[in-house]
Amino acid sequence: REYTEKSDMWSLGIVLYAMCFSSLPWSHEDPSILKAQIRRFAEERGVGPQAGGGSAGTGASTDGSEDEAESSWLPADVGSRLGTLRLVLAALLELDAARRPSATDLVENPAFRGQAARFTRRSG
């Protein structure tokens, strides 16, 4: 398989997940078992060839229900500290690389920009 910018965005999602939840979404020392965990997750979400297609991405909807459904697999956001960053995280961990945001998409995303500005002000 070819590694692209979308692969890097997936990696960023893993790092952001670890920062937000102090754990990894999937973890195992054996790469083949790790791949099997992710494949099983994809099948449970109805994504991938074994599951018959579909996507676990963050589609836009007018009432936000689809966005909420797409991030529902993430751990609880205790105290709502993540806010809309939770949706950005779900998008970065989109299993379908074609639906995963690019770096430009991410930088232009209002939710991401707002969170980044908020934390930049804290540390600066």
PDB file of N, CA and C in Angstrom:
ATOM      1  N   ARG A   1       0.826  -1.199   0.000  1.00  0.00           N
ATOM      2  CA  ARG A   1       0.000   0.000   0.000  1.00  0.00           C
ATOM      3  C   ARG A   1       0.855   1.241   0.000  1.00  0.00           C
ATOM      4  N   GLU A   2       0.329   2.253  -0.630  1.00  0.00           N
ATOM      5  CA  GLU A   2       1.036   3.523  -0.702  1.00  0.00           C
ATOM      6  C   GLU A   2       0.710   4.381   0.526  1.00  0.00           C
ATOM      7  N   TYR A   3       1.744   4.992   1.087  1.00  0.00           N
ATOM      8  CA  TYR A   3       1.546   5.909   2.199  1.00  0.00           C
ATOM      9  C   TYR A   3       1.417   7.312   1.642  1.00  0.00           C
ATOM     10  N   THR A   4       0.415   8.026   2.101  1.00  0.00           N
ATOM     11  CA  THR A   4       0.140   9.369   1.609  1.00  0.00           C
ATOM     12  C   THR A   4      -0.022  10.328   2.781  1.00  0.00           C
ATOM     13  N   GLU A   5      -0.351  11.548   2.458  1.00  0.00           N
ATOM     14  CA  GLU A   5      -0.647  12.549   3.480  1.00  0.00           C
ATOM     15  C   GLU A   5      -1.779  12.055   4.397  1.00  0.00           C
ATOM     16  N   LYS A   6      -2.725  11.301   3.828  1.00  0.00           N
ATOM     17  CA  LYS A   6      -3.838  10.790   4.627  1.00  0.00           C
ATOM     18  C   LYS A   6      -3.355   9.787   5.673  1.00  0.00           C
ATOM     19  N   SER A   7      -2.260   9.080   5.385  1.00  0.00           N
ATOM     20  CA  SER A   7      -1.656   8.181   6.380  1.00  0.00           C
ATOM     21  C   SER A   7      -1.104   8.995   7.540  1.00  0.00           C
ATOM     22  N   ASP A   8      -0.495  10.125   7.215  1.00  0.00           N
ATOM     23  CA  ASP A   8       0.031  11.016   8.258  1.00  0.00           C
ATOM     24  C   ASP A   8      -1.102  11.584   9.109  1.00  0.00           C
ATOM     25  N   MET A   9      -2.234  11.864   8.488  1.00  0.00           N
ATOM     26  CA  MET A   9      -3.378  12.401   9.229  1.00  0.00           C
ATOM     27  C   MET A   9      -3.923  11.333  10.187  1.00  0.00           C
ATOM     28  N   TRP A  10      -3.911  10.072   9.759  1.00  0.00           N
ATOM     29  CA  TRP A  10      -4.302   8.966  10.637  1.00  0.00           C
ATOM     30  C   TRP A  10      -3.361   8.940  11.853  1.00  0.00           C
ATOM     31  N   SER A  11      -2.058   9.046  11.593  1.00  0.00           N
ATOM     32  CA  SER A  11      -1.070   9.040  12.683  1.00  0.00           C
ATOM     33  C   SER A  11      -1.305  10.207  13.633  1.00  0.00           C
ATOM     34  N   LEU A  12      -1.605  11.364  13.086  1.00  0.00           N
ATOM     35  CA  LEU A  12      -1.927  12.522  13.918  1.00  0.00           C
ATOM     36  C   LEU A  12      -3.153  12.225  14.777  1.00  0.00           C
ATOM     37  N   GLY A  13      -4.132  11.548  14.204  1.00  0.00           N
ATOM     38  CA  GLY A  13      -5.322  11.170  14.967  1.00  0.00           C
ATOM     39  C   GLY A  13      -4.988  10.248  16.134  1.00  0.00           C
ATOM     40  N   ILE A  14      -4.074   9.322  15.915  1.00  0.00           N
ATOM     41  CA  ILE A  14      -3.651   8.410  16.985  1.00  0.00           C
ATOM     42  C   ILE A  14      -2.976   9.203  18.106  1.00  0.00           C
ATOM     43  N   VAL A  15      -2.100  10.134  17.731  1.00  0.00           N
ATOM     44  CA  VAL A  15      -1.406  10.957  18.735  1.00  0.00           C
ATOM     45  C   VAL A  15      -2.417  11.826  19.488  1.00  0.00           C
ATOM     46  N   LEU A  16      -3.329  12.459  18.765  1.00  0.00           N
ATOM     47  CA  LEU A  16      -4.345  13.305  19.400  1.00  0.00           C
ATOM     48  C   LEU A  16      -5.239  12.480  20.324  1.00  0.00           C
ATOM     49  N   TYR A  17      -5.600  11.272  19.901  1.00  0.00           N
ATOM     50  CA  TYR A  17      -6.399  10.374  20.734  1.00  0.00           C
ATOM     51  C   TYR A  17      -5.664  10.100  22.045  1.00  0.00           C
ATOM     52  N   ALA A  18      -4.377   9.777  21.937  1.00  0.00           N
ATOM     53  CA  ALA A  18      -3.582   9.488  23.140  1.00  0.00           C
ATOM     54  C   ALA A  18      -3.516  10.704  24.060  1.00  0.00           C
ATOM     55  N   MET A  19      -3.405  11.892  23.472  1.00  0.00           N
ATOM     56  CA  MET A  19      -3.353  13.110  24.286  1.00  0.00           C
ATOM     57  C   MET A  19      -4.696  13.386  24.968  1.00  0.00           C
ATOM     58  N   CYS A  20      -5.778  13.102  24.282  1.00  0.00           N
ATOM     59  CA  CYS A  20      -7.112  13.386  24.830  1.00  0.00           C
ATOM     60  C   CYS A  20      -7.573  12.355  25.855  1.00  0.00           C
ATOM     61  N   PHE A  21      -7.227  11.088  25.625  1.00  0.00           N
ATOM     62  CA  PHE A  21      -7.784  10.018  26.453  1.00  0.00           C
ATOM     63  C   PHE A  21      -6.739   9.226  27.239  1.00  0.00           C
ATOM     64  N   SER A  22      -5.486   9.601  27.147  1.00  0.00           N
ATOM     65  CA  SER A  22      -4.395   8.942  27.885  1.00  0.00           C
ATOM     66  C   SER A  22      -4.326   7.442  27.631  1.00  0.00           C
ATOM     67  N   SER A  23      -4.669   7.053  26.423  1.00  0.00           N
ATOM     68  CA  SER A  23      -4.562   5.657  26.004  1.00  0.00           C
ATOM     69  C   SER A  23      -4.563   5.630  24.482  1.00  0.00           C
ATOM     70  N   LEU A  24      -4.350   4.461  23.925  1.00  0.00           N
ATOM     71  CA  LEU A  24      -4.404   4.292  22.474  1.00  0.00           C
ATOM     72  C   LEU A  24      -5.713   3.603  22.104  1.00  0.00           C
ATOM     73  N   PRO A  25      -6.262   3.897  20.926  1.00  0.00           N
ATOM     74  CA  PRO A  25      -7.518   3.252  20.537  1.00  0.00           C
ATOM     75  C   PRO A  25      -7.341   1.754  20.293  1.00  0.00           C
ATOM     76  N   TRP A  26      -6.164   1.360  19.795  1.00  0.00           N
ATOM     77  CA  TRP A  26      -5.828  -0.041  19.575  1.00  0.00           C
ATOM     78  C   TRP A  26      -4.370  -0.191  19.969  1.00  0.00           C
ATOM     79  N   SER A  27      -4.040  -1.298  20.571  1.00  0.00           N
ATOM     80  CA  SER A  27      -2.663  -1.454  21.013  1.00  0.00           C
ATOM     81  C   SER A  27      -2.294  -2.932  21.097  1.00  0.00           C
ATOM     82  N   HIS A  28      -1.167  -3.258  20.533  1.00  0.00           N
ATOM     83  CA  HIS A  28      -0.581  -4.584  20.680  1.00  0.00           C
ATOM     84  C   HIS A  28       0.838  -4.531  20.154  1.00  0.00           C
ATOM     85  N   GLU A  29       1.739  -5.290  20.763  1.00  0.00           N
ATOM     86  CA  GLU A  29       3.134  -5.313  20.332  1.00  0.00           C
ATOM     87  C   GLU A  29       3.310  -6.002  18.988  1.00  0.00           C
ATOM     88  N   ASP A  30       2.441  -6.954  18.693  1.00  0.00           N
ATOM     89  CA  ASP A  30       2.521  -7.711  17.447  1.00  0.00           C
ATOM     90  C   ASP A  30       1.735  -6.966  16.362  1.00  0.00           C
ATOM     91  N   PRO A  31       2.415  -6.480  15.315  1.00  0.00           N
ATOM     92  CA  PRO A  31       1.731  -5.707  14.272  1.00  0.00           C
ATOM     93  C   PRO A  31       0.564  -6.449  13.606  1.00  0.00           C
ATOM     94  N   SER A  32       0.685  -7.761  13.444  1.00  0.00           N
ATOM     95  CA  SER A  32      -0.407  -8.499  12.802  1.00  0.00           C
ATOM     96  C   SER A  32      -1.647  -8.540  13.698  1.00  0.00           C
ATOM     97  N   ILE A  33      -1.453  -8.630  14.998  1.00  0.00           N
ATOM     98  CA  ILE A  33      -2.590  -8.603  15.925  1.00  0.00           C
ATOM     99  C   ILE A  33      -3.186  -7.202  15.976  1.00  0.00           C
ATOM    100  N   LEU A  34      -2.331  -6.185  15.946  1.00  0.00           N
ATOM    101  CA  LEU A  34      -2.806  -4.807  15.922  1.00  0.00           C
ATOM    102  C   LEU A  34      -3.661  -4.562  14.679  1.00  0.00           C
ATOM    103  N   LYS A  35      -3.191  -5.015  13.521  1.00  0.00           N
ATOM    104  CA  LYS A  35      -3.966  -4.879  12.283  1.00  0.00           C
ATOM    105  C   LYS A  35      -5.294  -5.614  12.403  1.00  0.00           C
ATOM    106  N   ALA A  36      -5.285  -6.779  13.020  1.00  0.00           N
ATOM    107  CA  ALA A  36      -6.522  -7.546  13.199  1.00  0.00           C
ATOM    108  C   ALA A  36      -7.505  -6.794  14.098  1.00  0.00           C
ATOM    109  N   GLN A  37      -7.005  -6.120  15.131  1.00  0.00           N
ATOM    110  CA  GLN A  37      -7.877  -5.321  16.002  1.00  0.00           C
ATOM    111  C   GLN A  37      -8.551  -4.204  15.215  1.00  0.00           C
ATOM    112  N   ILE A  38      -7.780  -3.516  14.398  1.00  0.00           N
ATOM    113  CA  ILE A  38      -8.327  -2.416  13.599  1.00  0.00           C
ATOM    114  C   ILE A  38      -9.298  -2.964  12.560  1.00  0.00           C
ATOM    115  N   ARG A  39      -8.958  -4.072  11.927  1.00  0.00           N
ATOM    116  CA  ARG A  39      -9.838  -4.703  10.937  1.00  0.00           C
ATOM    117  C   ARG A  39     -11.158  -5.120  11.580  1.00  0.00           C
ATOM    118  N   ARG A  40     -11.096  -5.690  12.778  1.00  0.00           N
ATOM    119  CA  ARG A  40     -12.309  -6.099  13.496  1.00  0.00           C
ATOM    120  C   ARG A  40     -13.169  -4.880  13.828  1.00  0.00           C
ATOM    121  N   PHE A  41     -12.528  -3.796  14.261  1.00  0.00           N
ATOM    122  CA  PHE A  41     -13.231  -2.548  14.546  1.00  0.00           C
ATOM    123  C   PHE A  41     -13.948  -2.053  13.283  1.00  0.00           C
ATOM    124  N   ALA A  42     -13.231  -2.089  12.152  1.00  0.00           N
ATOM    125  CA  ALA A  42     -13.815  -1.638  10.886  1.00  0.00           C
ATOM    126  C   ALA A  42     -15.026  -2.494  10.513  1.00  0.00           C
ATOM    127  N   GLU A  43     -14.909  -3.791  10.689  1.00  0.00           N
ATOM    128  CA  GLU A  43     -16.018  -4.681  10.365  1.00  0.00           C
ATOM    129  C   GLU A  43     -17.223  -4.414  11.267  1.00  0.00           C
ATOM    130  N   GLU A  44     -16.972  -4.177  12.544  1.00  0.00           N
ATOM    131  CA  GLU A  44     -18.064  -3.867  13.479  1.00  0.00           C
ATOM    132  C   GLU A  44     -18.754  -2.562  13.120  1.00  0.00           C
ATOM    133  N   ARG A  45     -17.996  -1.613  12.557  1.00  0.00           N
ATOM    134  CA  ARG A  45     -18.545  -0.312  12.163  1.00  0.00           C
ATOM    135  C   ARG A  45     -19.177  -0.368  10.775  1.00  0.00           C
ATOM    136  N   GLY A  46     -19.060  -1.535  10.103  1.00  0.00           N
ATOM    137  CA  GLY A  46     -19.637  -1.653   8.768  1.00  0.00           C
ATOM    138  C   GLY A  46     -18.777  -1.019   7.696  1.00  0.00           C
ATOM    139  N   VAL A  47     -17.453  -1.071   7.880  1.00  0.00           N
ATOM    140  CA  VAL A  47     -16.521  -0.471   6.932  1.00  0.00           C
ATOM    141  C   VAL A  47     -15.600  -1.552   6.416  1.00  0.00           C
ATOM    142  N   GLY A  48     -15.237  -1.459   5.152  1.00  0.00           N
ATOM    143  CA  GLY A  48     -14.264  -2.377   4.598  1.00  0.00           C
ATOM    144  C   GLY A  48     -14.913  -3.468   3.778  1.00  0.00           C
ATOM    145  N   PRO A  49     -14.093  -4.230   3.047  1.00  0.00           N
ATOM    146  CA  PRO A  49     -14.611  -5.231   2.123  1.00  0.00           C
ATOM    147  C   PRO A  49     -15.411  -6.341   2.800  1.00  0.00           C
ATOM    148  N   GLN A  50     -14.985  -6.773   3.990  1.00  0.00           N
ATOM    149  CA  GLN A  50     -15.713  -7.841   4.672  1.00  0.00           C
ATOM    150  C   GLN A  50     -17.066  -7.364   5.187  1.00  0.00           C
ATOM    151  N   ALA A  51     -17.173  -6.082   5.475  1.00  0.00           N
ATOM    152  CA  ALA A  51     -18.396  -5.540   6.054  1.00  0.00           C
ATOM    153  C   ALA A  51     -19.361  -5.034   4.988  1.00  0.00           C
ATOM    154  N   GLY A  52     -18.927  -4.986   3.739  1.00  0.00           N
ATOM    155  CA  GLY A  52     -19.821  -4.579   2.675  1.00  0.00           C
ATOM    156  C   GLY A  52     -19.812  -3.091   2.379  1.00  0.00           C
ATOM    157  N   GLY A  53     -18.733  -2.384   2.708  1.00  0.00           N
ATOM    158  CA  GLY A  53     -18.636  -0.970   2.345  1.00  0.00           C
ATOM    159  C   GLY A  53     -19.011  -0.063   3.471  1.00  0.00           C
ATOM    160  N   GLY A  54     -19.449   1.133   3.106  1.00  0.00           N
ATOM    161  CA  GLY A  54     -19.814   2.116   4.120  1.00  0.00           C
ATOM    162  C   GLY A  54     -18.606   2.901   4.553  1.00  0.00           C
ATOM    163  N   SER A  55     -18.814   3.764   5.534  1.00  0.00           N
ATOM    164  CA  SER A  55     -17.721   4.595   6.018  1.00  0.00           C
ATOM    165  C   SER A  55     -17.982   5.004   7.446  1.00  0.00           C
ATOM    166  N   ALA A  56     -16.937   5.165   8.201  1.00  0.00           N
ATOM    167  CA  ALA A  56     -17.053   5.624   9.580  1.00  0.00           C
ATOM    168  C   ALA A  56     -16.659   7.082   9.698  1.00  0.00           C
ATOM    169  N   GLY A  57     -16.793   7.817   8.622  1.00  0.00           N
ATOM    170  CA  GLY A  57     -16.331   9.201   8.599  1.00  0.00           C
ATOM    171  C   GLY A  57     -17.264  10.160   9.272  1.00  0.00           C
ATOM    172  N   THR A  58     -16.873  11.406   9.284  1.00  0.00           N
ATOM    173  CA  THR A  58     -17.686  12.439   9.884  1.00  0.00           C
ATOM    174  C   THR A  58     -18.399  13.194   8.796  1.00  0.00           C
ATOM    175  N   GLY A  59     -19.539  12.690   8.400  1.00  0.00           N
ATOM    176  CA  GLY A  59     -20.332  13.375   7.395  1.00  0.00           C
ATOM    177  C   GLY A  59     -21.023  14.577   8.009  1.00  0.00           C
ATOM    178  N   ALA A  60     -21.315  15.535   7.164  1.00  0.00           N
ATOM    179  CA  ALA A  60     -21.991  16.730   7.655  1.00  0.00           C
ATOM    180  C   ALA A  60     -23.490  16.527   7.611  1.00  0.00           C
ATOM    181  N   SER A  61     -24.168  16.944   8.650  1.00  0.00           N
ATOM    182  CA  SER A  61     -25.617  16.941   8.662  1.00  0.00           C
ATOM    183  C   SER A  61     -26.075  18.239   9.292  1.00  0.00           C
ATOM    184  N   THR A  62     -27.286  18.636   8.964  1.00  0.00           N
ATOM    185  CA  THR A  62     -27.755  19.926   9.451  1.00  0.00           C
ATOM    186  C   THR A  62     -28.008  19.924  10.949  1.00  0.00           C
ATOM    187  N   ASP A  63     -28.379  18.786  11.510  1.00  0.00           N
ATOM    188  CA  ASP A  63     -28.677  18.768  12.944  1.00  0.00           C
ATOM    189  C   ASP A  63     -27.544  18.205  13.784  1.00  0.00           C
ATOM    190  N   GLY A  64     -26.448  17.804  13.150  1.00  0.00           N
ATOM    191  CA  GLY A  64     -25.301  17.292  13.887  1.00  0.00           C
ATOM    192  C   GLY A  64     -25.433  15.843  14.300  1.00  0.00           C
ATOM    193  N   SER A  65     -26.554  15.194  14.009  1.00  0.00           N
ATOM    194  CA  SER A  65     -26.762  13.818  14.462  1.00  0.00           C
ATOM    195  C   SER A  65     -25.789  12.856  13.810  1.00  0.00           C
ATOM    196  N   GLU A  66     -25.500  13.033  12.529  1.00  0.00           N
ATOM    197  CA  GLU A  66     -24.557  12.145  11.861  1.00  0.00           C
ATOM    198  C   GLU A  66     -23.159  12.333  12.438  1.00  0.00           C
ATOM    199  N   ASP A  67     -22.765  13.574  12.699  1.00  0.00           N
ATOM    200  CA  ASP A  67     -21.462  13.829  13.311  1.00  0.00           C
ATOM    201  C   ASP A  67     -21.365  13.152  14.668  1.00  0.00           C
ATOM    202  N   GLU A  68     -22.404  13.258  15.477  1.00  0.00           N
ATOM    203  CA  GLU A  68     -22.405  12.620  16.797  1.00  0.00           C
ATOM    204  C   GLU A  68     -22.302  11.115  16.662  1.00  0.00           C
ATOM    205  N   ALA A  69     -23.042  10.538  15.715  1.00  0.00           N
ATOM    206  CA  ALA A  69     -23.002   9.090  15.515  1.00  0.00           C
ATOM    207  C   ALA A  69     -21.607   8.642  15.110  1.00  0.00           C
ATOM    208  N   GLU A  70     -20.932   9.432  14.277  1.00  0.00           N
ATOM    209  CA  GLU A  70     -19.607   9.054  13.796  1.00  0.00           C
ATOM    210  C   GLU A  70     -18.548   9.138  14.889  1.00  0.00           C
ATOM    211  N   SER A  71     -18.783   9.930  15.925  1.00  0.00           N
ATOM    212  CA  SER A  71     -17.807  10.030  17.018  1.00  0.00           C
ATOM    213  C   SER A  71     -18.252   9.247  18.246  1.00  0.00           C
ATOM    214  N   SER A  72     -19.366   8.531  18.148  1.00  0.00           N
ATOM    215  CA  SER A  72     -19.918   7.830  19.314  1.00  0.00           C
ATOM    216  C   SER A  72     -19.019   6.700  19.809  1.00  0.00           C
ATOM    217  N   TRP A  73     -18.123   6.186  18.966  1.00  0.00           N
ATOM    218  CA  TRP A  73     -17.224   5.113  19.378  1.00  0.00           C
ATOM    219  C   TRP A  73     -16.084   5.616  20.261  1.00  0.00           C
ATOM    220  N   LEU A  74     -15.859   6.922  20.268  1.00  0.00           N
ATOM    221  CA  LEU A  74     -14.797   7.490  21.107  1.00  0.00           C
ATOM    222  C   LEU A  74     -15.183   7.417  22.582  1.00  0.00           C
ATOM    223  N   PRO A  75     -14.210   7.358  23.479  1.00  0.00           N
ATOM    224  CA  PRO A  75     -14.524   7.372  24.907  1.00  0.00           C
ATOM    225  C   PRO A  75     -15.314   8.626  25.293  1.00  0.00           C
ATOM    226  N   ALA A  76     -15.985   8.557  26.407  1.00  0.00           N
ATOM    227  CA  ALA A  76     -16.779   9.692  26.889  1.00  0.00           C
ATOM    228  C   ALA A  76     -15.901  10.927  27.072  1.00  0.00           C
ATOM    229  N   ASP A  77     -16.478  12.062  26.765  1.00  0.00           N
ATOM    230  CA  ASP A  77     -15.799  13.347  26.924  1.00  0.00           C
ATOM    231  C   ASP A  77     -16.237  13.939  28.264  1.00  0.00           C
ATOM    232  N   VAL A  78     -15.606  13.483  29.330  1.00  0.00           N
ATOM    233  CA  VAL A  78     -15.967  13.897  30.682  1.00  0.00           C
ATOM    234  C   VAL A  78     -15.788  15.406  30.815  1.00  0.00           C
ATOM    235  N   GLY A  79     -16.846  16.064  31.227  1.00  0.00           N
ATOM    236  CA  GLY A  79     -16.807  17.511  31.406  1.00  0.00           C
ATOM    237  C   GLY A  79     -16.851  18.288  30.100  1.00  0.00           C
ATOM    238  N   SER A  80     -17.082  17.604  29.000  1.00  0.00           N
ATOM    239  CA  SER A  80     -17.142  18.238  27.671  1.00  0.00           C
ATOM    240  C   SER A  80     -15.928  19.123  27.394  1.00  0.00           C
ATOM    241  N   ARG A  81     -14.764  18.680  27.825  1.00  0.00           N
ATOM    242  CA  ARG A  81     -13.550  19.480  27.649  1.00  0.00           C
ATOM    243  C   ARG A  81     -13.061  19.487  26.213  1.00  0.00           C
ATOM    244  N   LEU A  82     -13.429  18.480  25.426  1.00  0.00           N
ATOM    245  CA  LEU A  82     -12.968  18.427  24.043  1.00  0.00           C
ATOM    246  C   LEU A  82     -13.838  19.239  23.097  1.00  0.00           C
ATOM    247  N   GLY A  83     -15.107  19.346  23.399  1.00  0.00           N
ATOM    248  CA  GLY A  83     -16.020  20.084  22.532  1.00  0.00           C
ATOM    249  C   GLY A  83     -15.992  19.540  21.116  1.00  0.00           C
ATOM    250  N   THR A  84     -15.924  20.455  20.149  1.00  0.00           N
ATOM    251  CA  THR A  84     -15.945  20.039  18.742  1.00  0.00           C
ATOM    252  C   THR A  84     -14.635  19.394  18.296  1.00  0.00           C
ATOM    253  N   LEU A  85     -13.595  19.484  19.109  1.00  0.00           N
ATOM    254  CA  LEU A  85     -12.347  18.800  18.782  1.00  0.00           C
ATOM    255  C   LEU A  85     -12.585  17.292  18.689  1.00  0.00           C
ATOM    256  N   ARG A  86     -13.581  16.806  19.397  1.00  0.00           N
ATOM    257  CA  ARG A  86     -13.956  15.391  19.344  1.00  0.00           C
ATOM    258  C   ARG A  86     -14.317  14.978  17.913  1.00  0.00           C
ATOM    259  N   LEU A  87     -15.010  15.857  17.189  1.00  0.00           N
ATOM    260  CA  LEU A  87     -15.379  15.565  15.811  1.00  0.00           C
ATOM    261  C   LEU A  87     -14.159  15.590  14.901  1.00  0.00           C
ATOM    262  N   VAL A  88     -13.234  16.492  15.179  1.00  0.00           N
ATOM    263  CA  VAL A  88     -11.986  16.546  14.414  1.00  0.00           C
ATOM    264  C   VAL A  88     -11.225  15.238  14.628  1.00  0.00           C
ATOM    265  N   LEU A  89     -11.171  14.776  15.856  1.00  0.00           N
ATOM    266  CA  LEU A  89     -10.489  13.519  16.170  1.00  0.00           C
ATOM    267  C   LEU A  89     -11.125  12.354  15.421  1.00  0.00           C
ATOM    268  N   ALA A  90     -12.443  12.290  15.432  1.00  0.00           N
ATOM    269  CA  ALA A  90     -13.137  11.217  14.711  1.00  0.00           C
ATOM    270  C   ALA A  90     -12.819  11.285  13.219  1.00  0.00           C
ATOM    271  N   ALA A  91     -12.726  12.484  12.659  1.00  0.00           N
ATOM    272  CA  ALA A  91     -12.404  12.636  11.237  1.00  0.00           C
ATOM    273  C   ALA A  91     -10.985  12.166  10.938  1.00  0.00           C
ATOM    274  N   LEU A  92     -10.044  12.477  11.822  1.00  0.00           N
ATOM    275  CA  LEU A  92      -8.661  12.050  11.623  1.00  0.00           C
ATOM    276  C   LEU A  92      -8.529  10.533  11.677  1.00  0.00           C
ATOM    277  N   LEU A  93      -9.388   9.891  12.460  1.00  0.00           N
ATOM    278  CA  LEU A  93      -9.346   8.436  12.590  1.00  0.00           C
ATOM    279  C   LEU A  93     -10.367   7.756  11.684  1.00  0.00           C
ATOM    280  N   GLU A  94     -10.816   8.477  10.672  1.00  0.00           N
ATOM    281  CA  GLU A  94     -11.708   7.918   9.647  1.00  0.00           C
ATOM    282  C   GLU A  94     -11.012   6.739   8.986  1.00  0.00           C
ATOM    283  N   LEU A  95     -11.692   5.618   8.927  1.00  0.00           N
ATOM    284  CA  LEU A  95     -11.100   4.410   8.363  1.00  0.00           C
ATOM    285  C   LEU A  95     -10.933   4.500   6.847  1.00  0.00           C
ATOM    286  N   ASP A  96     -11.806   5.226   6.189  1.00  0.00           N
ATOM    287  CA  ASP A  96     -11.724   5.411   4.746  1.00  0.00           C
ATOM    288  C   ASP A  96     -10.816   6.614   4.477  1.00  0.00           C
ATOM    289  N   ALA A  97      -9.612   6.366   3.988  1.00  0.00           N
ATOM    290  CA  ALA A  97      -8.637   7.439   3.785  1.00  0.00           C
ATOM    291  C   ALA A  97      -9.161   8.531   2.866  1.00  0.00           C
ATOM    292  N   ALA A  98     -10.000   8.199   1.917  1.00  0.00           N
ATOM    293  CA  ALA A  98     -10.537   9.200   0.997  1.00  0.00           C
ATOM    294  C   ALA A  98     -11.409  10.220   1.731  1.00  0.00           C
ATOM    295  N   ARG A  99     -11.997   9.822   2.848  1.00  0.00           N
ATOM    296  CA  ARG A  99     -12.852  10.732   3.619  1.00  0.00           C
ATOM    297  C   ARG A  99     -12.102  11.416   4.757  1.00  0.00           C
ATOM    298  N   ARG A 100     -10.885  10.998   5.004  1.00  0.00           N
ATOM    299  CA  ARG A 100     -10.073  11.592   6.062  1.00  0.00           C
ATOM    300  C   ARG A 100      -9.602  12.979   5.615  1.00  0.00           C
ATOM    301  N   PRO A 101      -9.564  13.966   6.513  1.00  0.00           N
ATOM    302  CA  PRO A 101      -9.139  15.303   6.098  1.00  0.00           C
ATOM    303  C   PRO A 101      -7.660  15.355   5.727  1.00  0.00           C
ATOM    304  N   SER A 102      -7.335  16.278   4.848  1.00  0.00           N
ATOM    305  CA  SER A 102      -5.930  16.555   4.528  1.00  0.00           C
ATOM    306  C   SER A 102      -5.404  17.543   5.568  1.00  0.00           C
ATOM    307  N   ALA A 103      -4.120  17.818   5.518  1.00  0.00           N
ATOM    308  CA  ALA A 103      -3.539  18.802   6.439  1.00  0.00           C
ATOM    309  C   ALA A 103      -4.178  20.168   6.212  1.00  0.00           C
ATOM    310  N   THR A 104      -4.412  20.520   4.967  1.00  0.00           N
ATOM    311  CA  THR A 104      -5.055  21.803   4.657  1.00  0.00           C
ATOM    312  C   THR A 104      -6.470  21.834   5.211  1.00  0.00           C
ATOM    313  N   ASP A 105      -7.216  20.743   5.028  1.00  0.00           N
ATOM    314  CA  ASP A 105      -8.576  20.667   5.587  1.00  0.00           C
ATOM    315  C   ASP A 105      -8.541  20.897   7.085  1.00  0.00           C
ATOM    316  N   LEU A 106      -7.584  20.274   7.737  1.00  0.00           N
ATOM    317  CA  LEU A 106      -7.478  20.378   9.190  1.00  0.00           C
ATOM    318  C   LEU A 106      -7.175  21.811   9.625  1.00  0.00           C
ATOM    319  N   VAL A 107      -6.193  22.415   8.991  1.00  0.00           N
ATOM    320  CA  VAL A 107      -5.803  23.775   9.359  1.00  0.00           C
ATOM    321  C   VAL A 107      -6.940  24.769   9.098  1.00  0.00           C
ATOM    322  N   GLU A 108      -7.748  24.501   8.098  1.00  0.00           N
ATOM    323  CA  GLU A 108      -8.859  25.391   7.769  1.00  0.00           C
ATOM    324  C   GLU A 108     -10.128  25.074   8.552  1.00  0.00           C
ATOM    325  N   ASN A 109     -10.130  23.992   9.331  1.00  0.00           N
ATOM    326  CA  ASN A 109     -11.311  23.585  10.087  1.00  0.00           C
ATOM    327  C   ASN A 109     -11.520  24.527  11.272  1.00  0.00           C
ATOM    328  N   PRO A 110     -12.706  25.162  11.361  1.00  0.00           N
ATOM    329  CA  PRO A 110     -12.955  26.122  12.450  1.00  0.00           C
ATOM    330  C   PRO A 110     -12.838  25.508  13.848  1.00  0.00           C
ATOM    331  N   ALA A 111     -13.268  24.272  14.014  1.00  0.00           N
ATOM    332  CA  ALA A 111     -13.187  23.625  15.329  1.00  0.00           C
ATOM    333  C   ALA A 111     -11.733  23.442  15.730  1.00  0.00           C
ATOM    334  N   PHE A 112     -10.922  22.967  14.809  1.00  0.00           N
ATOM    335  CA  PHE A 112      -9.507  22.759  15.097  1.00  0.00           C
ATOM    336  C   PHE A 112      -8.809  24.090  15.359  1.00  0.00           C
ATOM    337  N   ARG A 113      -9.090  25.079  14.518  1.00  0.00           N
ATOM    338  CA  ARG A 113      -8.457  26.392  14.681  1.00  0.00           C
ATOM    339  C   ARG A 113      -8.816  27.009  16.030  1.00  0.00           C
ATOM    340  N   GLY A 114     -10.087  26.875  16.425  1.00  0.00           N
ATOM    341  CA  GLY A 114     -10.517  27.432  17.703  1.00  0.00           C
ATOM    342  C   GLY A 114      -9.822  26.775  18.877  1.00  0.00           C
ATOM    343  N   GLN A 115      -9.725  25.451  18.842  1.00  0.00           N
ATOM    344  CA  GLN A 115      -9.047  24.729  19.914  1.00  0.00           C
ATOM    345  C   GLN A 115      -7.556  25.064  19.930  1.00  0.00           C
ATOM    346  N   ALA A 116      -6.939  25.118  18.764  1.00  0.00           N
ATOM    347  CA  ALA A 116      -5.507  25.430  18.680  1.00  0.00           C
ATOM    348  C   ALA A 116      -5.247  26.838  19.239  1.00  0.00           C
ATOM    349  N   ALA A 117      -6.083  27.794  18.871  1.00  0.00           N
ATOM    350  CA  ALA A 117      -5.915  29.166  19.362  1.00  0.00           C
ATOM    351  C   ALA A 117      -6.093  29.220  20.874  1.00  0.00           C
ATOM    352  N   ARG A 118      -7.069  28.481  21.372  1.00  0.00           N
ATOM    353  CA  ARG A 118      -7.327  28.448  22.807  1.00  0.00           C
ATOM    354  C   ARG A 118      -6.122  27.930  23.582  1.00  0.00           C
ATOM    355  N   PHE A 119      -5.510  26.857  23.106  1.00  0.00           N
ATOM    356  CA  PHE A 119      -4.371  26.278  23.810  1.00  0.00           C
ATOM    357  C   PHE A 119      -3.100  27.075  23.580  1.00  0.00           C
ATOM    358  N   THR A 120      -2.996  27.745  22.458  1.00  0.00           N
ATOM    359  CA  THR A 120      -1.838  28.600  22.193  1.00  0.00           C
ATOM    360  C   THR A 120      -1.833  29.778  23.167  1.00  0.00           C
ATOM    361  N   ARG A 121      -2.998  30.349  23.397  1.00  0.00           N
ATOM    362  CA  ARG A 121      -3.091  31.475  24.354  1.00  0.00           C
ATOM    363  C   ARG A 121      -2.716  31.037  25.757  1.00  0.00           C
ATOM    364  N   ARG A 122      -3.096  29.812  26.131  1.00  0.00           N
ATOM    365  CA  ARG A 122      -2.771  29.297  27.477  1.00  0.00           C
ATOM    366  C   ARG A 122      -1.286  29.162  27.686  1.00  0.00           C
ATOM    367  N   SER A 123      -0.592  28.664  26.657  1.00  0.00           N
ATOM    368  CA  SER A 123       0.827  28.370  26.809  1.00  0.00           C
ATOM    369  C   SER A 123       1.723  29.561  26.499  1.00  0.00           C
ATOM    370  N   GLY A 124       1.164  30.590  25.902  1.00  0.00           N
ATOM    371  CA  GLY A 124       2.001  31.709  25.460  1.00  0.00           C
ATOM    372  C   GLY A 124       2.055  32.855  26.380  1.00  0.00           C
TER     373      GLY A 124
END
